[in-house]
Amino acid sequence: MAQMLAARLHVPSRTLRLEEVPRPQPGPGEVLVKVEAAGVCLSDVHLIDGTLTPLLLQGDTVTLGHEVSGTIAEVGAGVTAWSPGQRVVLYAGEVRDGTYTRGVDYDGGWAEYALSAETALTLLPDAIPFEQGAIIPDAVSTPWGAITETGAVRPAEAVGVWGVGGLGVHAVQLLRAAGACPVVAVDPNPVARERALAAGADLALDSADPELRQAVGAATGGAGLAAAFDFAGVPPVREQALSVLAPKGRLVLVGLTDKPLTVTDGTRFSYLQQRILGHYGSDMPVALPQLLRLIQGGRLDFSGSVSGVLPLAEAAEAVARLEKKEGDPIRLILRP
């Protein structure tokens, strides 16, 4: 049986190992994809450090990687919509008897080859490089879903983004494209704040700034933010965002954390009829084609989001660089 290289996480010990494993064979309704690029996400870091734990994984080991692009290598029985050689982007998950996340609940794309259901991928236009295409299924589509679906942002609404990292910086760009105004970015990292301004933020604030509330008030004419997005997953961020939210404003929680969610002033929250909304992922069959069209049409450009490309054999190095924020990366890419 043919072998391939894969970066696999042993969940009980949180050990990432580079292993030779059997190359999977596509079954009925499946396709085998030769991986060309796979993104390294902070969620991968949290899986390794134990902050996140797979809920639906069968067994104790999984190949990481939920951001994947490549070419069709083989198709399984009954598959007629796909053929070898086609360029594709894989969905970050599949809906079975629950929502399964690729590289978390089943094997992902930190490998030379990856399996996918024939319904869980979309064509990647020739004009979009594999590296840029790979990050769309999470780093771009997750904030897109948070903005267009969960947060339901409308043109000219004042919006804030807390945490301008791998997802938040894309949220800034997407909010500007969606017509939000003003777009306020909040991050303690000065490099991240400069990056947010370059991505289209109207204002970038330090979360430690004691004048933050006044600055948001001045930017919104005293009205506050119609919507705030927490991409940091840090409890103090949520309290700060609520403090500058407008009446009937909504706080959308995108950053994942295992810490409790609290509202310090419940009376004020209820009186202002504010809302807190949880968000996870996106509607892949809708979001991916939309985003790829916008990129292909020149409305969006995420080429600057690829902060580095490393060989698959250096997966552990990529994780360490992201965890330590070495060079303040947006997304690192693994190439088998």
C-alpha atoms as a PDB file:
ATOM      1  CA  MET A   1       0.000   0.000   0.000  1.00  0.00           C
ATOM      2  CA  ALA A   2       1.293   3.477  -0.922  1.00  0.00           C
ATOM      3  CA  GLN A   3       2.474   5.603   1.995  1.00  0.00           C
ATOM      4  CA  MET A   4       2.388   9.340   2.609  1.00  0.00           C
ATOM      5  CA  LEU A   5       3.697  11.871   5.120  1.00  0.00           C
ATOM      6  CA  ALA A   6       1.236  13.376   7.615  1.00  0.00           C
ATOM      7  CA  ALA A   7       1.437  15.605  10.693  1.00  0.00           C
ATOM      8  CA  ARG A   8      -0.737  13.880  13.291  1.00  0.00           C
ATOM      9  CA  LEU A   9      -1.810  14.910  16.768  1.00  0.00           C
ATOM     10  CA  HIS A  10      -2.025  12.302  19.507  1.00  0.00           C
ATOM     11  CA  VAL A  11      -4.800  13.965  21.497  1.00  0.00           C
ATOM     12  CA  PRO A  12      -4.327  12.369  24.964  1.00  0.00           C
ATOM     13  CA  SER A  13      -0.675  13.468  25.122  1.00  0.00           C
ATOM     14  CA  ARG A  14      -1.080  16.543  22.869  1.00  0.00           C
ATOM     15  CA  THR A  15       1.929  15.333  20.878  1.00  0.00           C
ATOM     16  CA  LEU A  16       2.358  16.366  17.239  1.00  0.00           C
ATOM     17  CA  ARG A  17       4.199  13.722  15.222  1.00  0.00           C
ATOM     18  CA  LEU A  18       5.319  13.531  11.612  1.00  0.00           C
ATOM     19  CA  GLU A  19       4.428  10.031  10.471  1.00  0.00           C
ATOM     20  CA  GLU A  20       4.382   7.792   7.430  1.00  0.00           C
ATOM     21  CA  VAL A  21       0.805   6.541   7.079  1.00  0.00           C
ATOM     22  CA  PRO A  22      -1.123   4.663   4.370  1.00  0.00           C
ATOM     23  CA  ARG A  23      -2.329   6.909   1.575  1.00  0.00           C
ATOM     24  CA  PRO A  24      -6.136   6.921   1.792  1.00  0.00           C
ATOM     25  CA  GLN A  25      -8.277   5.494  -0.991  1.00  0.00           C
ATOM     26  CA  PRO A  26     -11.454   7.298  -2.037  1.00  0.00           C
ATOM     27  CA  GLY A  27     -14.618   5.332  -1.388  1.00  0.00           C
ATOM     28  CA  PRO A  28     -17.990   5.819  -3.064  1.00  0.00           C
ATOM     29  CA  GLY A  29     -18.903   9.501  -3.162  1.00  0.00           C
ATOM     30  CA  GLU A  30     -15.379  10.575  -2.156  1.00  0.00           C
ATOM     31  CA  VAL A  31     -12.414  12.210  -3.868  1.00  0.00           C
ATOM     32  CA  LEU A  32      -8.726  12.049  -3.032  1.00  0.00           C
ATOM     33  CA  VAL A  33      -6.972  15.415  -3.178  1.00  0.00           C
ATOM     34  CA  LYS A  34      -3.251  15.940  -3.607  1.00  0.00           C
ATOM     35  CA  VAL A  35      -2.594  18.696  -1.082  1.00  0.00           C
ATOM     36  CA  GLU A  36      -0.806  21.743  -2.509  1.00  0.00           C
ATOM     37  CA  ALA A  37      -1.211  24.109   0.454  1.00  0.00           C
ATOM     38  CA  ALA A  38      -2.561  23.886   4.012  1.00  0.00           C
ATOM     39  CA  GLY A  39      -3.004  26.758   6.439  1.00  0.00           C
ATOM     40  CA  VAL A  40      -1.776  26.827  10.033  1.00  0.00           C
ATOM     41  CA  CYS A  41      -4.447  28.322  12.292  1.00  0.00           C
ATOM     42  CA  LEU A  42      -4.502  29.382  15.928  1.00  0.00           C
ATOM     43  CA  SER A  43      -7.123  26.663  16.406  1.00  0.00           C
ATOM     44  CA  ASP A  44      -4.421  24.139  15.505  1.00  0.00           C
ATOM     45  CA  VAL A  45      -2.204  25.659  18.178  1.00  0.00           C
ATOM     46  CA  HIS A  46      -5.043  25.368  20.709  1.00  0.00           C
ATOM     47  CA  LEU A  47      -5.635  21.727  19.784  1.00  0.00           C
ATOM     48  CA  ILE A  48      -1.978  21.025  20.493  1.00  0.00           C
ATOM     49  CA  ASP A  49      -1.808  23.026  23.734  1.00  0.00           C
ATOM     50  CA  GLY A  50      -5.006  21.458  25.058  1.00  0.00           C
ATOM     51  CA  THR A  51      -7.246  24.529  25.019  1.00  0.00           C
ATOM     52  CA  LEU A  52      -9.466  22.808  22.440  1.00  0.00           C
ATOM     53  CA  THR A  53     -10.465  19.144  22.361  1.00  0.00           C
ATOM     54  CA  PRO A  54     -12.144  17.280  19.476  1.00  0.00           C
ATOM     55  CA  LEU A  55     -15.718  16.363  20.349  1.00  0.00           C
ATOM     56  CA  LEU A  56     -16.537  13.916  17.552  1.00  0.00           C
ATOM     57  CA  LEU A  57     -13.178  12.281  16.805  1.00  0.00           C
ATOM     58  CA  GLN A  58     -13.226   8.499  16.603  1.00  0.00           C
ATOM     59  CA  GLY A  59      -9.945   7.301  18.068  1.00  0.00           C
ATOM     60  CA  ASP A  60      -7.210   9.307  19.737  1.00  0.00           C
ATOM     61  CA  THR A  61      -5.128  10.601  16.792  1.00  0.00           C
ATOM     62  CA  VAL A  62      -5.967  12.970  13.946  1.00  0.00           C
ATOM     63  CA  THR A  63      -4.169  14.593  11.015  1.00  0.00           C
ATOM     64  CA  LEU A  64      -4.468  18.331  11.595  1.00  0.00           C
ATOM     65  CA  GLY A  65      -5.332  20.974   9.007  1.00  0.00           C
ATOM     66  CA  HIS A  66      -8.751  22.449   8.144  1.00  0.00           C
ATOM     67  CA  GLU A  67      -7.581  24.967   5.522  1.00  0.00           C
ATOM     68  CA  VAL A  68      -6.695  22.967   2.421  1.00  0.00           C
ATOM     69  CA  SER A  69      -6.298  23.446  -1.335  1.00  0.00           C
ATOM     70  CA  GLY A  70      -4.978  21.055  -3.940  1.00  0.00           C
ATOM     71  CA  THR A  71      -5.757  19.057  -7.059  1.00  0.00           C
ATOM     72  CA  ILE A  72      -8.019  16.060  -7.549  1.00  0.00           C
ATOM     73  CA  ALA A  73      -5.857  12.912  -7.631  1.00  0.00           C
ATOM     74  CA  GLU A  74      -8.515  10.185  -7.750  1.00  0.00           C
ATOM     75  CA  VAL A  75     -12.285   9.895  -7.566  1.00  0.00           C
ATOM     76  CA  GLY A  76     -14.308   7.169  -5.901  1.00  0.00           C
ATOM     77  CA  ALA A  77     -17.111   5.079  -7.319  1.00  0.00           C
ATOM     78  CA  GLY A  78     -20.114   7.069  -8.490  1.00  0.00           C
ATOM     79  CA  VAL A  79     -18.345  10.420  -8.554  1.00  0.00           C
ATOM     80  CA  THR A  80     -19.070  12.218 -11.832  1.00  0.00           C
ATOM     81  CA  ALA A  81     -18.771  15.902 -10.906  1.00  0.00           C
ATOM     82  CA  TRP A  82     -15.005  15.806 -10.408  1.00  0.00           C
ATOM     83  CA  SER A  83     -12.039  14.576 -12.428  1.00  0.00           C
ATOM     84  CA  PRO A  84      -8.288  14.267 -11.794  1.00  0.00           C
ATOM     85  CA  GLY A  85      -6.289  17.459 -12.200  1.00  0.00           C
ATOM     86  CA  GLN A  86      -8.989  19.926 -11.166  1.00  0.00           C
ATOM     87  CA  ARG A  87      -7.888  22.640  -8.720  1.00  0.00           C
ATOM     88  CA  VAL A  88     -10.046  22.697  -5.579  1.00  0.00           C
ATOM     89  CA  VAL A  89     -10.537  24.160  -2.122  1.00  0.00           C
ATOM     90  CA  LEU A  90     -11.831  21.795   0.544  1.00  0.00           C
ATOM     91  CA  TYR A  91     -14.532  22.786   3.000  1.00  0.00           C
ATOM     92  CA  ALA A  92     -13.320  23.168   6.566  1.00  0.00           C
ATOM     93  CA  GLY A  93     -15.924  20.676   7.681  1.00  0.00           C
ATOM     94  CA  GLU A  94     -18.839  18.445   6.772  1.00  0.00           C
ATOM     95  CA  VAL A  95     -22.334  17.971   8.157  1.00  0.00           C
ATOM     96  CA  ARG A  96     -23.073  14.331   8.924  1.00  0.00           C
ATOM     97  CA  ASP A  97     -24.974  13.473  12.121  1.00  0.00           C
ATOM     98  CA  GLY A  98     -23.455  16.688  13.456  1.00  0.00           C
ATOM     99  CA  THR A  99     -20.972  19.309  12.318  1.00  0.00           C
ATOM    100  CA  TYR A 100     -17.588  17.662  11.854  1.00  0.00           C
ATOM    101  CA  THR A 101     -14.532  19.884  11.486  1.00  0.00           C
ATOM    102  CA  ARG A 102     -11.747  18.760   9.145  1.00  0.00           C
ATOM    103  CA  GLY A 103      -8.461  18.278  10.949  1.00  0.00           C
ATOM    104  CA  VAL A 104     -10.287  18.140  14.282  1.00  0.00           C
ATOM    105  CA  ASP A 105     -12.999  15.482  14.152  1.00  0.00           C
ATOM    106  CA  TYR A 106     -11.550  13.660  11.130  1.00  0.00           C
ATOM    107  CA  ASP A 107      -8.260  13.689   9.219  1.00  0.00           C
ATOM    108  CA  GLY A 108      -7.304  17.001   7.647  1.00  0.00           C
ATOM    109  CA  GLY A 109      -4.811  18.419   5.208  1.00  0.00           C
ATOM    110  CA  TRP A 110      -1.442  18.480   6.983  1.00  0.00           C
ATOM    111  CA  ALA A 111      -0.533  15.575   4.719  1.00  0.00           C
ATOM    112  CA  GLU A 112       0.426  14.798   1.165  1.00  0.00           C
ATOM    113  CA  TYR A 113      -3.128  13.681   0.368  1.00  0.00           C
ATOM    114  CA  ALA A 114      -6.544  14.297   1.919  1.00  0.00           C
ATOM    115  CA  LEU A 115      -9.943  12.678   1.475  1.00  0.00           C
ATOM    116  CA  SER A 116     -13.113  14.683   0.965  1.00  0.00           C
ATOM    117  CA  ALA A 117     -16.761  13.967   0.316  1.00  0.00           C
ATOM    118  CA  GLU A 118     -17.569  14.939  -3.271  1.00  0.00           C
ATOM    119  CA  THR A 119     -19.947  17.594  -1.895  1.00  0.00           C
ATOM    120  CA  ALA A 120     -17.395  19.183   0.464  1.00  0.00           C
ATOM    121  CA  LEU A 121     -15.149  21.072  -1.942  1.00  0.00           C
ATOM    122  CA  THR A 122     -15.339  23.758  -4.612  1.00  0.00           C
ATOM    123  CA  LEU A 123     -13.363  24.735  -7.695  1.00  0.00           C
ATOM    124  CA  LEU A 124     -10.368  27.030  -7.233  1.00  0.00           C
ATOM    125  CA  PRO A 125      -9.997  29.438 -10.187  1.00  0.00           C
ATOM    126  CA  ASP A 126      -6.669  29.263 -12.022  1.00  0.00           C
ATOM    127  CA  ALA A 127      -5.964  32.929 -11.211  1.00  0.00           C
ATOM    128  CA  ILE A 128      -5.937  32.288  -7.433  1.00  0.00           C
ATOM    129  CA  PRO A 129      -2.729  30.678  -6.067  1.00  0.00           C
ATOM    130  CA  PHE A 130      -3.063  27.555  -3.911  1.00  0.00           C
ATOM    131  CA  GLU A 131      -1.589  29.382  -0.908  1.00  0.00           C
ATOM    132  CA  GLN A 132      -4.246  32.079  -1.023  1.00  0.00           C
ATOM    133  CA  GLY A 133      -7.021  29.609  -1.790  1.00  0.00           C
ATOM    134  CA  ALA A 134      -6.122  27.417   1.177  1.00  0.00           C
ATOM    135  CA  ILE A 135      -6.885  30.076   3.787  1.00  0.00           C
ATOM    136  CA  ILE A 136     -10.356  30.920   2.467  1.00  0.00           C
ATOM    137  CA  PRO A 137     -12.247  28.059   4.235  1.00  0.00           C
ATOM    138  CA  ASP A 138     -11.581  29.462   7.717  1.00  0.00           C
ATOM    139  CA  ALA A 139      -9.405  32.568   7.951  1.00  0.00           C
ATOM    140  CA  VAL A 140     -11.655  34.373   5.472  1.00  0.00           C
ATOM    141  CA  SER A 141     -14.974  32.518   5.352  1.00  0.00           C
ATOM    142  CA  THR A 142     -15.398  32.432   9.146  1.00  0.00           C
ATOM    143  CA  PRO A 143     -15.321  36.246   9.507  1.00  0.00           C
ATOM    144  CA  TRP A 144     -17.410  36.505   6.322  1.00  0.00           C
ATOM    145  CA  GLY A 145     -20.093  34.305   7.867  1.00  0.00           C
ATOM    146  CA  ALA A 146     -19.881  36.205  11.160  1.00  0.00           C
ATOM    147  CA  ILE A 147     -20.358  39.511   9.333  1.00  0.00           C
ATOM    148  CA  THR A 148     -22.983  38.608   6.743  1.00  0.00           C
ATOM    149  CA  GLU A 149     -25.004  35.979   8.598  1.00  0.00           C
ATOM    150  CA  THR A 150     -24.625  36.022  12.388  1.00  0.00           C
ATOM    151  CA  GLY A 151     -23.857  39.727  12.753  1.00  0.00           C
ATOM    152  CA  ALA A 152     -26.030  40.763   9.774  1.00  0.00           C
ATOM    153  CA  VAL A 153     -23.990  43.930   9.253  1.00  0.00           C
ATOM    154  CA  ARG A 154     -25.652  46.518   7.059  1.00  0.00           C
ATOM    155  CA  PRO A 155     -24.012  49.347   5.057  1.00  0.00           C
ATOM    156  CA  ALA A 156     -23.042  52.440   7.063  1.00  0.00           C
ATOM    157  CA  GLU A 157     -23.270  50.643  10.419  1.00  0.00           C
ATOM    158  CA  ALA A 158     -20.518  51.386  12.939  1.00  0.00           C
ATOM    159  CA  VAL A 159     -18.638  48.182  13.697  1.00  0.00           C
ATOM    160  CA  GLY A 160     -15.734  47.179  15.950  1.00  0.00           C
ATOM    161  CA  VAL A 161     -13.261  44.299  15.615  1.00  0.00           C
ATOM    162  CA  TRP A 162     -11.386  43.083  18.715  1.00  0.00           C
ATOM    163  CA  GLY A 163      -8.294  41.024  17.893  1.00  0.00           C
ATOM    164  CA  VAL A 164      -6.774  41.804  14.500  1.00  0.00           C
ATOM    165  CA  GLY A 165      -4.912  38.535  13.970  1.00  0.00           C
ATOM    166  CA  GLY A 166      -5.398  35.777  11.414  1.00  0.00           C
ATOM    167  CA  LEU A 167      -9.188  36.166  11.265  1.00  0.00           C
ATOM    168  CA  GLY A 168      -9.698  39.681  12.579  1.00  0.00           C
ATOM    169  CA  VAL A 169      -7.576  41.369   9.935  1.00  0.00           C
ATOM    170  CA  HIS A 170      -9.711  39.720   7.275  1.00  0.00           C
ATOM    171  CA  ALA A 171     -12.842  40.856   9.099  1.00  0.00           C
ATOM    172  CA  VAL A 172     -11.633  44.450   8.761  1.00  0.00           C
ATOM    173  CA  GLN A 173     -11.155  44.055   5.015  1.00  0.00           C
ATOM    174  CA  LEU A 174     -14.496  42.302   4.608  1.00  0.00           C
ATOM    175  CA  LEU A 175     -16.365  44.876   6.703  1.00  0.00           C
ATOM    176  CA  ARG A 176     -15.026  47.669   4.542  1.00  0.00           C
ATOM    177  CA  ALA A 177     -16.087  45.754   1.426  1.00  0.00           C
ATOM    178  CA  ALA A 178     -19.541  45.289   2.966  1.00  0.00           C
ATOM    179  CA  GLY A 179     -19.886  49.042   3.538  1.00  0.00           C
ATOM    180  CA  ALA A 180     -19.567  49.230   7.339  1.00  0.00           C
ATOM    181  CA  CYS A 181     -18.615  52.713   8.526  1.00  0.00           C
ATOM    182  CA  PRO A 182     -16.705  53.440  10.608  1.00  0.00           C
ATOM    183  CA  VAL A 183     -14.685  50.256  11.110  1.00  0.00           C
ATOM    184  CA  VAL A 184     -12.890  50.384  14.471  1.00  0.00           C
ATOM    185  CA  ALA A 185     -10.085  47.885  15.148  1.00  0.00           C
ATOM    186  CA  VAL A 186      -8.921  47.157  18.697  1.00  0.00           C
ATOM    187  CA  ASP A 187      -5.711  45.278  19.524  1.00  0.00           C
ATOM    188  CA  PRO A 188      -2.911  45.678  22.095  1.00  0.00           C
ATOM    189  CA  ASN A 189      -0.275  44.922  19.427  1.00  0.00           C
ATOM    190  CA  PRO A 190       0.898  48.051  17.546  1.00  0.00           C
ATOM    191  CA  VAL A 191       1.882  45.936  14.529  1.00  0.00           C
ATOM    192  CA  ALA A 192      -1.646  44.511  14.391  1.00  0.00           C
ATOM    193  CA  ARG A 193      -3.128  48.001  14.627  1.00  0.00           C
ATOM    194  CA  GLU A 194      -1.010  49.226  11.708  1.00  0.00           C
ATOM    195  CA  ARG A 195      -2.038  46.141   9.766  1.00  0.00           C
ATOM    196  CA  ALA A 196      -5.691  46.885  10.492  1.00  0.00           C
ATOM    197  CA  LEU A 197      -5.356  50.418   9.146  1.00  0.00           C
ATOM    198  CA  ALA A 198      -3.700  49.064   6.007  1.00  0.00           C
ATOM    199  CA  ALA A 199      -6.597  46.600   5.625  1.00  0.00           C
ATOM    200  CA  GLY A 200      -9.150  49.400   5.716  1.00  0.00           C
ATOM    201  CA  ALA A 201      -9.925  50.228   9.350  1.00  0.00           C
ATOM    202  CA  ASP A 202     -10.931  53.851   9.939  1.00  0.00           C
ATOM    203  CA  LEU A 203      -9.545  53.805  13.459  1.00  0.00           C
ATOM    204  CA  ALA A 204      -7.195  51.458  15.331  1.00  0.00           C
ATOM    205  CA  LEU A 205      -7.142  51.577  19.134  1.00  0.00           C
ATOM    206  CA  ASP A 206      -5.093  49.961  21.878  1.00  0.00           C
ATOM    207  CA  SER A 207      -7.341  47.894  24.139  1.00  0.00           C
ATOM    208  CA  ALA A 208      -5.372  49.249  27.116  1.00  0.00           C
ATOM    209  CA  ASP A 209      -6.121  52.871  26.176  1.00  0.00           C
ATOM    210  CA  PRO A 210      -8.103  54.437  29.076  1.00  0.00           C
ATOM    211  CA  GLU A 211      -9.710  56.779  26.541  1.00  0.00           C
ATOM    212  CA  LEU A 212     -11.031  53.956  24.350  1.00  0.00           C
ATOM    213  CA  ARG A 213     -14.701  54.566  25.179  1.00  0.00           C
ATOM    214  CA  GLN A 214     -14.360  58.245  24.390  1.00  0.00           C
ATOM    215  CA  ALA A 215     -12.561  57.479  21.125  1.00  0.00           C
ATOM    216  CA  VAL A 216     -15.309  55.103  19.997  1.00  0.00           C
ATOM    217  CA  GLY A 217     -17.911  57.659  21.021  1.00  0.00           C
ATOM    218  CA  ALA A 218     -16.213  60.356  18.980  1.00  0.00           C
ATOM    219  CA  ALA A 219     -15.932  58.065  15.935  1.00  0.00           C
ATOM    220  CA  THR A 220     -19.619  57.126  16.096  1.00  0.00           C
ATOM    221  CA  GLY A 221     -21.098  60.508  16.960  1.00  0.00           C
ATOM    222  CA  GLY A 222     -21.867  59.257  20.448  1.00  0.00           C
ATOM    223  CA  ALA A 223     -24.067  56.430  19.174  1.00  0.00           C
ATOM    224  CA  GLY A 224     -21.751  53.512  19.930  1.00  0.00           C
ATOM    225  CA  LEU A 225     -21.175  50.421  17.825  1.00  0.00           C
ATOM    226  CA  ALA A 226     -24.038  48.668  16.077  1.00  0.00           C
ATOM    227  CA  ALA A 227     -21.989  45.472  16.075  1.00  0.00           C
ATOM    228  CA  ALA A 228     -18.795  44.284  17.753  1.00  0.00           C
ATOM    229  CA  PHE A 229     -16.844  41.159  16.856  1.00  0.00           C
ATOM    230  CA  ASP A 230     -14.632  39.332  19.360  1.00  0.00           C
ATOM    231  CA  PHE A 231     -11.922  37.472  17.453  1.00  0.00           C
ATOM    232  CA  ALA A 232      -9.616  37.308  20.473  1.00  0.00           C
ATOM    233  CA  GLY A 233     -11.634  34.893  22.605  1.00  0.00           C
ATOM    234  CA  VAL A 234     -10.592  36.735  25.759  1.00  0.00           C
ATOM    235  CA  PRO A 235     -13.205  37.489  28.473  1.00  0.00           C
ATOM    236  CA  PRO A 236     -12.064  41.107  29.154  1.00  0.00           C
ATOM    237  CA  VAL A 237     -12.527  41.855  25.451  1.00  0.00           C
ATOM    238  CA  ARG A 238     -16.200  40.983  25.695  1.00  0.00           C
ATOM    239  CA  GLU A 239     -16.767  43.312  28.629  1.00  0.00           C
ATOM    240  CA  GLN A 240     -14.962  46.117  26.823  1.00  0.00           C
ATOM    241  CA  ALA A 241     -16.934  45.570  23.625  1.00  0.00           C
ATOM    242  CA  LEU A 242     -20.236  45.579  25.527  1.00  0.00           C
ATOM    243  CA  SER A 243     -19.284  48.892  27.151  1.00  0.00           C
ATOM    244  CA  VAL A 244     -19.193  50.651  23.749  1.00  0.00           C
ATOM    245  CA  LEU A 245     -22.103  48.844  22.129  1.00  0.00           C
ATOM    246  CA  ALA A 246     -25.079  50.890  20.977  1.00  0.00           C
ATOM    247  CA  PRO A 247     -28.638  50.233  22.151  1.00  0.00           C
ATOM    248  CA  LYS A 248     -29.876  47.035  20.435  1.00  0.00           C
ATOM    249  CA  GLY A 249     -26.276  46.401  19.378  1.00  0.00           C
ATOM    250  CA  ARG A 250     -24.972  42.890  18.966  1.00  0.00           C
ATOM    251  CA  LEU A 251     -21.754  41.316  20.173  1.00  0.00           C
ATOM    252  CA  VAL A 252     -20.641  38.395  18.013  1.00  0.00           C
ATOM    253  CA  LEU A 253     -18.315  35.858  19.633  1.00  0.00           C
ATOM    254  CA  VAL A 254     -15.966  34.317  17.064  1.00  0.00           C
ATOM    255  CA  GLY A 255     -12.769  33.689  19.033  1.00  0.00           C
ATOM    256  CA  LEU A 256     -12.958  30.374  20.886  1.00  0.00           C
ATOM    257  CA  THR A 257     -12.331  30.110  24.612  1.00  0.00           C
ATOM    258  CA  ASP A 258     -13.173  27.707  27.433  1.00  0.00           C
ATOM    259  CA  LYS A 259     -13.568  30.584  29.890  1.00  0.00           C
ATOM    260  CA  PRO A 260     -17.000  31.563  31.306  1.00  0.00           C
ATOM    261  CA  LEU A 261     -19.072  34.228  29.602  1.00  0.00           C
ATOM    262  CA  THR A 262     -20.200  36.962  32.009  1.00  0.00           C
ATOM    263  CA  VAL A 263     -22.091  40.239  31.733  1.00  0.00           C
ATOM    264  CA  THR A 264     -21.089  42.536  34.584  1.00  0.00           C
ATOM    265  CA  ASP A 265     -24.027  44.940  34.315  1.00  0.00           C
ATOM    266  CA  GLY A 266     -26.972  42.729  33.412  1.00  0.00           C
ATOM    267  CA  THR A 267     -29.515  45.489  34.034  1.00  0.00           C
ATOM    268  CA  ARG A 268     -27.832  47.818  31.539  1.00  0.00           C
ATOM    269  CA  PHE A 269     -27.530  44.982  29.017  1.00  0.00           C
ATOM    270  CA  SER A 270     -31.250  44.202  29.259  1.00  0.00           C
ATOM    271  CA  TYR A 271     -32.333  47.847  29.324  1.00  0.00           C
ATOM    272  CA  LEU A 272     -30.389  48.539  26.110  1.00  0.00           C
ATOM    273  CA  GLN A 273     -31.787  45.337  24.551  1.00  0.00           C
ATOM    274  CA  GLN A 274     -28.346  44.217  23.452  1.00  0.00           C
ATOM    275  CA  ARG A 275     -27.566  40.742  22.141  1.00  0.00           C
ATOM    276  CA  ILE A 276     -24.673  38.280  22.384  1.00  0.00           C
ATOM    277  CA  LEU A 277     -24.400  35.853  19.482  1.00  0.00           C
ATOM    278  CA  GLY A 278     -22.130  32.833  19.141  1.00  0.00           C
ATOM    279  CA  HIS A 279     -20.538  32.132  15.780  1.00  0.00           C
ATOM    280  CA  TYR A 280     -18.654  29.153  14.354  1.00  0.00           C
ATOM    281  CA  GLY A 281     -17.396  28.617  10.809  1.00  0.00           C
ATOM    282  CA  SER A 282     -19.577  29.530   7.833  1.00  0.00           C
ATOM    283  CA  ASP A 283     -22.069  28.156   5.342  1.00  0.00           C
ATOM    284  CA  MET A 284     -19.364  26.709   3.088  1.00  0.00           C
ATOM    285  CA  PRO A 285     -21.443  25.989  -0.049  1.00  0.00           C
ATOM    286  CA  VAL A 286     -22.499  29.640  -0.065  1.00  0.00           C
ATOM    287  CA  ALA A 287     -19.500  31.457   1.423  1.00  0.00           C
ATOM    288  CA  LEU A 288     -16.649  29.862  -0.531  1.00  0.00           C
ATOM    289  CA  PRO A 289     -18.016  30.540  -4.030  1.00  0.00           C
ATOM    290  CA  GLN A 290     -18.944  34.088  -2.986  1.00  0.00           C
ATOM    291  CA  LEU A 291     -15.476  34.842  -1.678  1.00  0.00           C
ATOM    292  CA  LEU A 292     -13.698  33.230  -4.613  1.00  0.00           C
ATOM    293  CA  ARG A 293     -15.790  35.344  -7.013  1.00  0.00           C
ATOM    294  CA  LEU A 294     -14.936  38.496  -5.084  1.00  0.00           C
ATOM    295  CA  ILE A 295     -11.231  37.647  -5.171  1.00  0.00           C
ATOM    296  CA  GLN A 296     -11.305  36.721  -8.840  1.00  0.00           C
ATOM    297  CA  GLY A 297     -13.206  39.932  -9.595  1.00  0.00           C
ATOM    298  CA  GLY A 298     -10.623  42.079  -7.854  1.00  0.00           C
ATOM    299  CA  ARG A 299     -12.897  43.157  -4.994  1.00  0.00           C
ATOM    300  CA  LEU A 300     -10.764  41.403  -2.369  1.00  0.00           C
ATOM    301  CA  ASP A 301      -7.069  40.561  -2.159  1.00  0.00           C
ATOM    302  CA  PHE A 302      -5.646  38.255   0.482  1.00  0.00           C
ATOM    303  CA  SER A 303      -2.230  37.735  -1.068  1.00  0.00           C
ATOM    304  CA  GLY A 304      -0.674  39.741   1.759  1.00  0.00           C
ATOM    305  CA  SER A 305      -2.134  37.342   4.314  1.00  0.00           C
ATOM    306  CA  VAL A 306       0.365  34.593   3.506  1.00  0.00           C
ATOM    307  CA  SER A 307       3.156  35.390   5.957  1.00  0.00           C
ATOM    308  CA  GLY A 308       5.358  32.416   5.124  1.00  0.00           C
ATOM    309  CA  VAL A 309       5.455  29.023   3.415  1.00  0.00           C
ATOM    310  CA  LEU A 310       7.114  26.029   5.102  1.00  0.00           C
ATOM    311  CA  PRO A 311       7.473  22.381   4.081  1.00  0.00           C
ATOM    312  CA  LEU A 312       5.141  19.901   5.755  1.00  0.00           C
ATOM    313  CA  ALA A 313       8.142  18.419   7.579  1.00  0.00           C
ATOM    314  CA  GLU A 314       8.402  21.720   9.498  1.00  0.00           C
ATOM    315  CA  ALA A 315       4.825  21.672  10.804  1.00  0.00           C
ATOM    316  CA  ALA A 316       5.998  21.866  14.433  1.00  0.00           C
ATOM    317  CA  GLU A 317       8.141  24.901  13.571  1.00  0.00           C
ATOM    318  CA  ALA A 318       5.152  26.606  11.950  1.00  0.00           C
ATOM    319  CA  VAL A 319       3.039  25.962  15.060  1.00  0.00           C
ATOM    320  CA  ALA A 320       5.777  27.377  17.310  1.00  0.00           C
ATOM    321  CA  ARG A 321       6.110  30.494  15.169  1.00  0.00           C
ATOM    322  CA  LEU A 322       2.372  31.121  15.285  1.00  0.00           C
ATOM    323  CA  GLU A 323       2.130  30.425  19.019  1.00  0.00           C
ATOM    324  CA  LYS A 324       4.989  32.846  19.766  1.00  0.00           C
ATOM    325  CA  LYS A 325       3.705  35.328  17.163  1.00  0.00           C
ATOM    326  CA  GLU A 326       7.181  35.318  15.678  1.00  0.00           C
ATOM    327  CA  GLY A 327       7.136  37.961  12.951  1.00  0.00           C
ATOM    328  CA  ASP A 328       3.444  38.665  13.701  1.00  0.00           C
ATOM    329  CA  PRO A 329       2.191  36.215  11.052  1.00  0.00           C
ATOM    330  CA  ILE A 330      -1.342  36.342   9.669  1.00  0.00           C
ATOM    331  CA  ARG A 331      -1.246  32.861   8.139  1.00  0.00           C
ATOM    332  CA  LEU A 332       1.576  30.370   7.678  1.00  0.00           C
ATOM    333  CA  ILE A 333       1.230  27.777   4.936  1.00  0.00           C
ATOM    334  CA  LEU A 334       2.473  24.191   4.828  1.00  0.00           C
ATOM    335  CA  ARG A 335       3.353  22.650   1.455  1.00  0.00           C
ATOM    336  CA  PRO A 336       3.914  18.875   1.228  1.00  0.00           C
END
